[in-house]
Amino acid sequence: MTSQSITDVTFENILVEIVGSGDRKTGLIRLNRPKQLNALSDPLMDELGRALLAFDADDGIGCIVLTGSERAFAAGADIPTMAPHTFMSAFKSGLISKNWETILQVRKPVIGAVAGFALGGGCELAMMCDFIIAADTARFGQPEIKLGIIPGAGGTQRLPRAVSKSKAMDMLLTARMMDAAEAERAGLVSRVVPADQLMSEALAAAETINGFSGPSTMLIKELVNLAYQGPLTDGVAVERRYFHALFGSDDQREGMDAFLAKRAPSFKHR
């Protein structure tokens, strides 16, 4: 299914559109369960995965922006549907495992645009984006301890890597929320903007990315994730090989020719 057809699908829990006017556009996905503050139910996560993969497969899409509402990016998992589970039913049904990490399969850059609450699973989903632009109203937290459980979608693993062990322990063990300013200082978000400028800032960043070579943006994403997960020496070795490989691309030739000719490059994404 292409992204053009995905925009024609009527979803129950998300809104999907294509934004931009150039040859490479932005896929915009909005979580849309306003009464539940975008709580992450199984149907929502299924729909989100479907839209993400469709945009990723479309050559006309260069970047994806994932956002929620002014009140909440996502206030957590859908507790009413989660509460009845036993260990065996959670294990056998693949609770969280089966549909929460589709976003990690996406090769194109994914920007999280976060306003309001990003709590529990909402914070974990935001951390699965490639970078986060936060409104000054954003609040991040992992309050699972209040429910007698722990995070289950990477909160104990991604949060310490983003904000340090001490801050992660503080948030996880006390359930306190981190505001946008602290989140920027701690490295959880890349930048903070006024709430009324959040979407224009996120879409402008996506448009900038769309103007660069598609293969290069995808390789940067792959290599940064490798650095995040593996040893330095292995990451540098792979980076060097990909650096060499791009000298066989049309976009490398165009980019360097344009630089030498002092003109703007016209990338073909190949």
C-alpha atoms as a PDB file:
ATOM      1  CA  MET A   1       0.000   0.000   0.000  1.00  0.00           C
ATOM      2  CA  THR A   2       1.414   3.403  -0.966  1.00  0.00           C
ATOM      3  CA  SER A   3       1.171   6.490   1.185  1.00  0.00           C
ATOM      4  CA  GLN A   4      -1.152   8.068  -1.374  1.00  0.00           C
ATOM      5  CA  SER A   5      -3.674   5.322  -0.694  1.00  0.00           C
ATOM      6  CA  ILE A   6      -2.987   5.350   3.044  1.00  0.00           C
ATOM      7  CA  THR A   7      -4.261   8.939   3.180  1.00  0.00           C
ATOM      8  CA  ASP A   8      -7.551   7.701   1.746  1.00  0.00           C
ATOM      9  CA  VAL A   9      -8.024   5.193   4.552  1.00  0.00           C
ATOM     10  CA  THR A  10     -10.419   6.132   7.347  1.00  0.00           C
ATOM     11  CA  PHE A  11      -8.694   5.368  10.626  1.00  0.00           C
ATOM     12  CA  GLU A  12     -10.350   5.339  14.030  1.00  0.00           C
ATOM     13  CA  ASN A  13      -7.368   6.313  16.160  1.00  0.00           C
ATOM     14  CA  ILE A  14      -4.982   8.354  13.992  1.00  0.00           C
ATOM     15  CA  LEU A  15      -5.117  11.088  11.357  1.00  0.00           C
ATOM     16  CA  VAL A  16      -2.823  10.837   8.337  1.00  0.00           C
ATOM     17  CA  GLU A  17      -1.867  13.397   5.721  1.00  0.00           C
ATOM     18  CA  ILE A  18       0.902  14.363   3.315  1.00  0.00           C
ATOM     19  CA  VAL A  19       2.447  17.813   3.726  1.00  0.00           C
ATOM     20  CA  GLY A  20       4.736  19.770   1.413  1.00  0.00           C
ATOM     21  CA  SER A  21       5.035  20.925  -2.155  1.00  0.00           C
ATOM     22  CA  GLY A  22       8.412  19.634  -3.360  1.00  0.00           C
ATOM     23  CA  ASP A  23       9.303  16.367  -5.028  1.00  0.00           C
ATOM     24  CA  ARG A  24       9.802  14.822  -1.566  1.00  0.00           C
ATOM     25  CA  LYS A  25       7.082  15.416   0.979  1.00  0.00           C
ATOM     26  CA  THR A  26       6.433  14.759   4.672  1.00  0.00           C
ATOM     27  CA  GLY A  27       4.144  12.088   6.027  1.00  0.00           C
ATOM     28  CA  LEU A  28       2.272  13.508   9.033  1.00  0.00           C
ATOM     29  CA  ILE A  29       0.638  11.182  11.565  1.00  0.00           C
ATOM     30  CA  ARG A  30      -1.455  12.490  14.462  1.00  0.00           C
ATOM     31  CA  LEU A  31      -2.512  10.261  17.324  1.00  0.00           C
ATOM     32  CA  ASN A  32      -6.255  10.861  17.691  1.00  0.00           C
ATOM     33  CA  ARG A  33      -7.948   9.516  20.808  1.00  0.00           C
ATOM     34  CA  PRO A  34      -8.717  12.872  22.431  1.00  0.00           C
ATOM     35  CA  LYS A  35     -11.008  11.600  25.198  1.00  0.00           C
ATOM     36  CA  GLN A  36      -8.303   9.145  26.315  1.00  0.00           C
ATOM     37  CA  LEU A  37      -5.436  11.653  25.885  1.00  0.00           C
ATOM     38  CA  ASN A  38      -4.167   9.434  23.066  1.00  0.00           C
ATOM     39  CA  ALA A  39      -3.706   6.390  25.294  1.00  0.00           C
ATOM     40  CA  LEU A  40      -1.891   3.752  23.241  1.00  0.00           C
ATOM     41  CA  SER A  41      -4.392   0.967  22.645  1.00  0.00           C
ATOM     42  CA  ASP A  42      -3.733  -2.065  20.456  1.00  0.00           C
ATOM     43  CA  PRO A  43      -5.965  -0.719  17.638  1.00  0.00           C
ATOM     44  CA  LEU A  44      -4.096   2.609  17.707  1.00  0.00           C
ATOM     45  CA  MET A  45      -0.704   0.921  17.583  1.00  0.00           C
ATOM     46  CA  ASP A  46      -1.847  -1.320  14.719  1.00  0.00           C
ATOM     47  CA  GLU A  47      -3.001   1.711  12.742  1.00  0.00           C
ATOM     48  CA  LEU A  48       0.166   3.646  13.546  1.00  0.00           C
ATOM     49  CA  GLY A  49       2.330   0.785  12.334  1.00  0.00           C
ATOM     50  CA  ARG A  50       0.350   0.515   9.113  1.00  0.00           C
ATOM     51  CA  ALA A  51       0.739   4.236   8.375  1.00  0.00           C
ATOM     52  CA  LEU A  52       4.434   4.313   9.268  1.00  0.00           C
ATOM     53  CA  LEU A  53       5.272   1.398   6.971  1.00  0.00           C
ATOM     54  CA  ALA A  54       3.217   2.866   4.119  1.00  0.00           C
ATOM     55  CA  PHE A  55       5.039   6.198   4.320  1.00  0.00           C
ATOM     56  CA  ASP A  56       8.378   4.407   4.602  1.00  0.00           C
ATOM     57  CA  ALA A  57       7.651   2.474   1.403  1.00  0.00           C
ATOM     58  CA  ASP A  58       6.721   5.579  -0.618  1.00  0.00           C
ATOM     59  CA  ASP A  59       9.605   7.124  -2.583  1.00  0.00           C
ATOM     60  CA  GLY A  60       7.769  10.454  -2.534  1.00  0.00           C
ATOM     61  CA  ILE A  61       8.057  10.709   1.258  1.00  0.00           C
ATOM     62  CA  GLY A  62      11.391  11.838   2.699  1.00  0.00           C
ATOM     63  CA  CYS A  63      10.545  12.245   6.374  1.00  0.00           C
ATOM     64  CA  ILE A  64       7.760  11.417   8.836  1.00  0.00           C
ATOM     65  CA  VAL A  65       6.424  13.594  11.664  1.00  0.00           C
ATOM     66  CA  LEU A  66       4.570  11.914  14.526  1.00  0.00           C
ATOM     67  CA  THR A  67       2.521  14.077  16.881  1.00  0.00           C
ATOM     68  CA  GLY A  68      -0.477  14.090  19.175  1.00  0.00           C
ATOM     69  CA  SER A  69      -2.686  16.911  20.441  1.00  0.00           C
ATOM     70  CA  GLU A  70      -2.035  20.108  22.368  1.00  0.00           C
ATOM     71  CA  ARG A  71      -2.998  18.362  25.614  1.00  0.00           C
ATOM     72  CA  ALA A  72      -1.111  15.129  25.097  1.00  0.00           C
ATOM     73  CA  PHE A  73       1.283  13.428  22.742  1.00  0.00           C
ATOM     74  CA  ALA A  74       0.196  10.236  24.507  1.00  0.00           C
ATOM     75  CA  ALA A  75      -0.639   9.895  28.192  1.00  0.00           C
ATOM     76  CA  GLY A  76       0.444   6.258  28.353  1.00  0.00           C
ATOM     77  CA  ALA A  77      -0.754   2.775  27.551  1.00  0.00           C
ATOM     78  CA  ASP A  78      -4.455   1.929  27.546  1.00  0.00           C
ATOM     79  CA  ILE A  79      -4.740   0.723  31.153  1.00  0.00           C
ATOM     80  CA  PRO A  80      -8.394  -0.462  31.042  1.00  0.00           C
ATOM     81  CA  THR A  81      -7.519  -3.025  28.368  1.00  0.00           C
ATOM     82  CA  MET A  82      -4.194  -3.917  29.991  1.00  0.00           C
ATOM     83  CA  ALA A  83      -5.392  -4.410  33.573  1.00  0.00           C
ATOM     84  CA  PRO A  84      -7.152  -7.803  33.120  1.00  0.00           C
ATOM     85  CA  HIS A  85      -4.017  -9.537  31.793  1.00  0.00           C
ATOM     86  CA  THR A  86      -2.293 -12.335  33.652  1.00  0.00           C
ATOM     87  CA  PHE A  87       1.361 -13.186  33.118  1.00  0.00           C
ATOM     88  CA  MET A  88       0.428 -16.002  30.767  1.00  0.00           C
ATOM     89  CA  SER A  89      -2.030 -13.966  28.704  1.00  0.00           C
ATOM     90  CA  ALA A  90       0.435 -11.045  28.438  1.00  0.00           C
ATOM     91  CA  PHE A  91       3.226 -13.413  27.406  1.00  0.00           C
ATOM     92  CA  LYS A  92       1.239 -15.489  24.913  1.00  0.00           C
ATOM     93  CA  SER A  93      -0.481 -12.514  23.292  1.00  0.00           C
ATOM     94  CA  GLY A  94       2.788 -10.604  22.893  1.00  0.00           C
ATOM     95  CA  LEU A  95       1.543  -7.615  24.879  1.00  0.00           C
ATOM     96  CA  ILE A  96       3.471  -4.578  23.591  1.00  0.00           C
ATOM     97  CA  SER A  97       5.878  -6.863  21.683  1.00  0.00           C
ATOM     98  CA  LYS A  98       3.513  -7.524  18.791  1.00  0.00           C
ATOM     99  CA  ASN A  99       2.806  -3.974  17.615  1.00  0.00           C
ATOM    100  CA  TRP A 100       4.598  -1.269  19.612  1.00  0.00           C
ATOM    101  CA  GLU A 101       7.977  -1.346  17.858  1.00  0.00           C
ATOM    102  CA  THR A 102       6.961  -1.131  14.205  1.00  0.00           C
ATOM    103  CA  ILE A 103       8.390   2.392  14.289  1.00  0.00           C
ATOM    104  CA  LEU A 104      11.854   0.869  14.747  1.00  0.00           C
ATOM    105  CA  GLN A 105      11.541  -0.788  11.312  1.00  0.00           C
ATOM    106  CA  VAL A 106      11.196   2.590   9.565  1.00  0.00           C
ATOM    107  CA  ARG A 107      14.342   3.547   7.664  1.00  0.00           C
ATOM    108  CA  LYS A 108      13.410   7.168   6.984  1.00  0.00           C
ATOM    109  CA  PRO A 109      13.806   9.854   9.663  1.00  0.00           C
ATOM    110  CA  VAL A 110      10.913  10.111  12.118  1.00  0.00           C
ATOM    111  CA  ILE A 111      10.510  13.359  14.077  1.00  0.00           C
ATOM    112  CA  GLY A 112       8.481  13.331  17.272  1.00  0.00           C
ATOM    113  CA  ALA A 113       6.581  16.605  17.802  1.00  0.00           C
ATOM    114  CA  VAL A 114       5.530  16.544  21.452  1.00  0.00           C
ATOM    115  CA  ALA A 115       3.141  18.852  23.282  1.00  0.00           C
ATOM    116  CA  GLY A 116       1.467  18.185  26.601  1.00  0.00           C
ATOM    117  CA  PHE A 117       1.843  14.846  28.315  1.00  0.00           C
ATOM    118  CA  ALA A 118       4.210  12.139  27.067  1.00  0.00           C
ATOM    119  CA  LEU A 119       3.897   9.638  29.882  1.00  0.00           C
ATOM    120  CA  GLY A 120       4.629   5.940  30.224  1.00  0.00           C
ATOM    121  CA  GLY A 121       4.199   4.382  26.807  1.00  0.00           C
ATOM    122  CA  GLY A 122       3.868   7.870  25.346  1.00  0.00           C
ATOM    123  CA  CYS A 123       7.336   8.787  26.577  1.00  0.00           C
ATOM    124  CA  GLU A 124       8.658   5.468  25.294  1.00  0.00           C
ATOM    125  CA  LEU A 125       7.085   6.021  21.862  1.00  0.00           C
ATOM    126  CA  ALA A 126       8.561   9.524  21.700  1.00  0.00           C
ATOM    127  CA  MET A 127      12.001   8.077  22.487  1.00  0.00           C
ATOM    128  CA  MET A 128      11.633   5.658  19.566  1.00  0.00           C
ATOM    129  CA  CYS A 129      11.478   8.660  17.218  1.00  0.00           C
ATOM    130  CA  ASP A 130      14.810   9.779  15.763  1.00  0.00           C
ATOM    131  CA  PHE A 131      14.641  13.106  17.548  1.00  0.00           C
ATOM    132  CA  ILE A 132      12.073  15.041  19.524  1.00  0.00           C
ATOM    133  CA  ILE A 133      11.018  18.655  19.084  1.00  0.00           C
ATOM    134  CA  ALA A 134       9.074  19.673  22.188  1.00  0.00           C
ATOM    135  CA  ALA A 135       6.565  22.404  22.838  1.00  0.00           C
ATOM    136  CA  ASP A 136       7.205  24.383  25.992  1.00  0.00           C
ATOM    137  CA  THR A 137       4.095  22.667  27.380  1.00  0.00           C
ATOM    138  CA  ALA A 138       5.574  19.170  27.087  1.00  0.00           C
ATOM    139  CA  ARG A 139       5.842  16.937  30.154  1.00  0.00           C
ATOM    140  CA  PHE A 140       7.725  13.638  30.092  1.00  0.00           C
ATOM    141  CA  GLY A 141       7.491  10.845  32.626  1.00  0.00           C
ATOM    142  CA  GLN A 142       7.485   7.120  33.368  1.00  0.00           C
ATOM    143  CA  PRO A 143       4.847   6.731  36.121  1.00  0.00           C
ATOM    144  CA  GLU A 144       4.424   2.945  35.837  1.00  0.00           C
ATOM    145  CA  ILE A 145       5.675   2.495  39.405  1.00  0.00           C
ATOM    146  CA  LYS A 146       2.380   4.000  40.575  1.00  0.00           C
ATOM    147  CA  LEU A 147       0.543   1.056  38.990  1.00  0.00           C
ATOM    148  CA  GLY A 148       2.716  -1.575  40.602  1.00  0.00           C
ATOM    149  CA  ILE A 149       4.534  -2.334  37.349  1.00  0.00           C
ATOM    150  CA  ILE A 150       7.569  -1.153  35.387  1.00  0.00           C
ATOM    151  CA  PRO A 151       7.952   0.263  31.858  1.00  0.00           C
ATOM    152  CA  GLY A 152       7.626  -2.379  29.169  1.00  0.00           C
ATOM    153  CA  ALA A 153       8.485  -0.570  25.917  1.00  0.00           C
ATOM    154  CA  GLY A 154      12.067   0.471  26.632  1.00  0.00           C
ATOM    155  CA  GLY A 155      11.659   3.038  29.399  1.00  0.00           C
ATOM    156  CA  THR A 156      14.308   1.510  31.640  1.00  0.00           C
ATOM    157  CA  GLN A 157      16.702   1.152  28.693  1.00  0.00           C
ATOM    158  CA  ARG A 158      16.285   4.201  26.448  1.00  0.00           C
ATOM    159  CA  LEU A 159      15.729   6.775  29.172  1.00  0.00           C
ATOM    160  CA  PRO A 160      19.121   6.256  30.916  1.00  0.00           C
ATOM    161  CA  ARG A 161      20.858   6.427  27.543  1.00  0.00           C
ATOM    162  CA  ALA A 162      19.131   9.740  26.846  1.00  0.00           C
ATOM    163  CA  VAL A 163      19.254  11.539  30.197  1.00  0.00           C
ATOM    164  CA  SER A 164      21.828   9.708  32.386  1.00  0.00           C
ATOM    165  CA  LYS A 165      21.425   6.980  34.963  1.00  0.00           C
ATOM    166  CA  SER A 166      20.725   9.354  37.837  1.00  0.00           C
ATOM    167  CA  LYS A 167      17.923  11.295  36.153  1.00  0.00           C
ATOM    168  CA  ALA A 168      16.384   8.096  34.777  1.00  0.00           C
ATOM    169  CA  MET A 169      16.426   6.476  38.214  1.00  0.00           C
ATOM    170  CA  ASP A 170      14.835   9.590  39.688  1.00  0.00           C
ATOM    171  CA  MET A 171      12.011   9.610  37.129  1.00  0.00           C
ATOM    172  CA  LEU A 172      11.428   5.859  37.179  1.00  0.00           C
ATOM    173  CA  LEU A 173      11.513   5.423  40.960  1.00  0.00           C
ATOM    174  CA  THR A 174       9.614   8.562  42.001  1.00  0.00           C
ATOM    175  CA  ALA A 175       7.311   8.926  38.959  1.00  0.00           C
ATOM    176  CA  ARG A 176       8.098  12.637  38.732  1.00  0.00           C
ATOM    177  CA  MET A 177       7.604  14.398  35.432  1.00  0.00           C
ATOM    178  CA  MET A 178      10.306  16.293  33.544  1.00  0.00           C
ATOM    179  CA  ASP A 179       9.252  19.548  31.899  1.00  0.00           C
ATOM    180  CA  ALA A 180      10.389  20.610  28.452  1.00  0.00           C
ATOM    181  CA  ALA A 181      13.207  22.869  29.657  1.00  0.00           C
ATOM    182  CA  GLU A 182      14.730  20.135  31.816  1.00  0.00           C
ATOM    183  CA  ALA A 183      14.229  17.604  29.015  1.00  0.00           C
ATOM    184  CA  GLU A 184      16.277  19.792  26.674  1.00  0.00           C
ATOM    185  CA  ARG A 185      19.028  20.288  29.259  1.00  0.00           C
ATOM    186  CA  ALA A 186      19.138  16.544  29.885  1.00  0.00           C
ATOM    187  CA  GLY A 187      19.325  15.678  26.187  1.00  0.00           C
ATOM    188  CA  LEU A 188      15.938  13.974  25.897  1.00  0.00           C
ATOM    189  CA  VAL A 189      14.711  16.500  23.308  1.00  0.00           C
ATOM    190  CA  SER A 190      16.632  18.326  20.603  1.00  0.00           C
ATOM    191  CA  ARG A 191      14.905  21.700  20.963  1.00  0.00           C
ATOM    192  CA  VAL A 192      12.017  23.437  22.707  1.00  0.00           C
ATOM    193  CA  VAL A 193       9.707  25.887  20.952  1.00  0.00           C
ATOM    194  CA  PRO A 194       6.547  27.809  21.908  1.00  0.00           C
ATOM    195  CA  ALA A 195       3.517  25.545  21.702  1.00  0.00           C
ATOM    196  CA  ASP A 196       1.939  27.519  18.868  1.00  0.00           C
ATOM    197  CA  GLN A 197       5.094  27.026  16.782  1.00  0.00           C
ATOM    198  CA  LEU A 198       5.547  23.292  17.380  1.00  0.00           C
ATOM    199  CA  MET A 199       4.110  21.982  14.124  1.00  0.00           C
ATOM    200  CA  SER A 200       5.643  24.683  11.940  1.00  0.00           C
ATOM    201  CA  GLU A 201       9.054  23.958  13.511  1.00  0.00           C
ATOM    202  CA  ALA A 202       8.715  20.185  13.103  1.00  0.00           C
ATOM    203  CA  LEU A 203       7.481  20.437   9.521  1.00  0.00           C
ATOM    204  CA  ALA A 204      10.257  22.912   8.672  1.00  0.00           C
ATOM    205  CA  ALA A 205      12.824  20.438  10.011  1.00  0.00           C
ATOM    206  CA  ALA A 206      11.225  17.686   7.949  1.00  0.00           C
ATOM    207  CA  GLU A 207      11.275  19.890   4.836  1.00  0.00           C
ATOM    208  CA  THR A 208      14.979  20.526   5.364  1.00  0.00           C
ATOM    209  CA  ILE A 209      15.617  16.783   5.585  1.00  0.00           C
ATOM    210  CA  ASN A 210      13.488  16.205   2.470  1.00  0.00           C
ATOM    211  CA  GLY A 211      15.825  18.474   0.516  1.00  0.00           C
ATOM    212  CA  PHE A 212      18.870  16.311   1.205  1.00  0.00           C
ATOM    213  CA  SER A 213      19.873  13.022  -0.388  1.00  0.00           C
ATOM    214  CA  GLY A 214      17.481  10.279   0.698  1.00  0.00           C
ATOM    215  CA  PRO A 215      20.118   7.528   0.875  1.00  0.00           C
ATOM    216  CA  SER A 216      22.355   9.767   2.994  1.00  0.00           C
ATOM    217  CA  THR A 217      19.605  10.560   5.499  1.00  0.00           C
ATOM    218  CA  MET A 218      18.731   6.874   5.802  1.00  0.00           C
ATOM    219  CA  LEU A 219      22.371   5.902   6.333  1.00  0.00           C
ATOM    220  CA  ILE A 220      22.865   8.607   8.956  1.00  0.00           C
ATOM    221  CA  LYS A 221      19.870   7.238  10.843  1.00  0.00           C
ATOM    222  CA  GLU A 222      21.197   3.680  10.624  1.00  0.00           C
ATOM    223  CA  LEU A 223      24.675   4.684  11.793  1.00  0.00           C
ATOM    224  CA  VAL A 224      23.545   6.862  14.698  1.00  0.00           C
ATOM    225  CA  ASN A 225      21.379   3.991  15.912  1.00  0.00           C
ATOM    226  CA  LEU A 226      24.405   1.718  15.609  1.00  0.00           C
ATOM    227  CA  ALA A 227      26.428   4.160  17.717  1.00  0.00           C
ATOM    228  CA  TYR A 228      23.646   4.229  20.274  1.00  0.00           C
ATOM    229  CA  GLN A 229      23.568   0.441  20.581  1.00  0.00           C
ATOM    230  CA  GLY A 230      27.062  -0.888  19.901  1.00  0.00           C
ATOM    231  CA  PRO A 231      30.810  -0.435  20.464  1.00  0.00           C
ATOM    232  CA  LEU A 232      32.568   2.661  19.115  1.00  0.00           C
ATOM    233  CA  THR A 233      35.149   0.800  17.030  1.00  0.00           C
ATOM    234  CA  ASP A 234      32.478  -1.269  15.256  1.00  0.00           C
ATOM    235  CA  GLY A 235      30.404   1.814  14.549  1.00  0.00           C
ATOM    236  CA  VAL A 236      33.321   3.769  13.090  1.00  0.00           C
ATOM    237  CA  ALA A 237      34.268   0.843  10.848  1.00  0.00           C
ATOM    238  CA  VAL A 238      30.741   0.603   9.432  1.00  0.00           C
ATOM    239  CA  GLU A 239      30.548   4.378   9.066  1.00  0.00           C
ATOM    240  CA  ARG A 240      33.772   4.381   7.048  1.00  0.00           C
ATOM    241  CA  ARG A 241      32.476   1.693   4.706  1.00  0.00           C
ATOM    242  CA  TYR A 242      29.184   3.529   4.116  1.00  0.00           C
ATOM    243  CA  PHE A 243      31.127   6.753   3.587  1.00  0.00           C
ATOM    244  CA  HIS A 244      33.123   5.009   0.845  1.00  0.00           C
ATOM    245  CA  ALA A 245      29.988   3.433  -0.628  1.00  0.00           C
ATOM    246  CA  LEU A 246      28.286   6.785  -1.158  1.00  0.00           C
ATOM    247  CA  PHE A 247      31.024   7.734  -3.617  1.00  0.00           C
ATOM    248  CA  GLY A 248      29.190   5.390  -5.962  1.00  0.00           C
ATOM    249  CA  SER A 249      25.942   7.373  -5.705  1.00  0.00           C
ATOM    250  CA  ASP A 250      24.535   9.929  -8.112  1.00  0.00           C
ATOM    251  CA  ASP A 251      23.787  12.254  -5.195  1.00  0.00           C
ATOM    252  CA  GLN A 252      27.450  12.359  -4.129  1.00  0.00           C
ATOM    253  CA  ARG A 253      28.491  13.417  -7.604  1.00  0.00           C
ATOM    254  CA  GLU A 254      25.728  16.008  -7.809  1.00  0.00           C
ATOM    255  CA  GLY A 255      26.411  17.372  -4.331  1.00  0.00           C
ATOM    256  CA  MET A 256      30.121  17.858  -4.896  1.00  0.00           C
ATOM    257  CA  ASP A 257      29.699  19.157  -8.443  1.00  0.00           C
ATOM    258  CA  ALA A 258      27.171  21.699  -7.150  1.00  0.00           C
ATOM    259  CA  PHE A 259      29.527  22.775  -4.375  1.00  0.00           C
ATOM    260  CA  LEU A 260      32.402  23.314  -6.814  1.00  0.00           C
ATOM    261  CA  ALA A 261      30.126  25.187  -9.224  1.00  0.00           C
ATOM    262  CA  LYS A 262      28.716  27.284  -6.355  1.00  0.00           C
ATOM    263  CA  ARG A 263      25.109  26.317  -7.100  1.00  0.00           C
ATOM    264  CA  ALA A 264      22.344  24.563  -5.161  1.00  0.00           C
ATOM    265  CA  PRO A 265      22.363  20.774  -5.567  1.00  0.00           C
ATOM    266  CA  SER A 266      19.443  18.895  -7.125  1.00  0.00           C
ATOM    267  CA  PHE A 267      19.421  15.501  -5.491  1.00  0.00           C
ATOM    268  CA  LYS A 268      17.753  12.510  -7.175  1.00  0.00           C
ATOM    269  CA  HIS A 269      17.847  10.279  -4.076  1.00  0.00           C
ATOM    270  CA  ARG A 270      19.913   7.574  -5.755  1.00  0.00           C
END
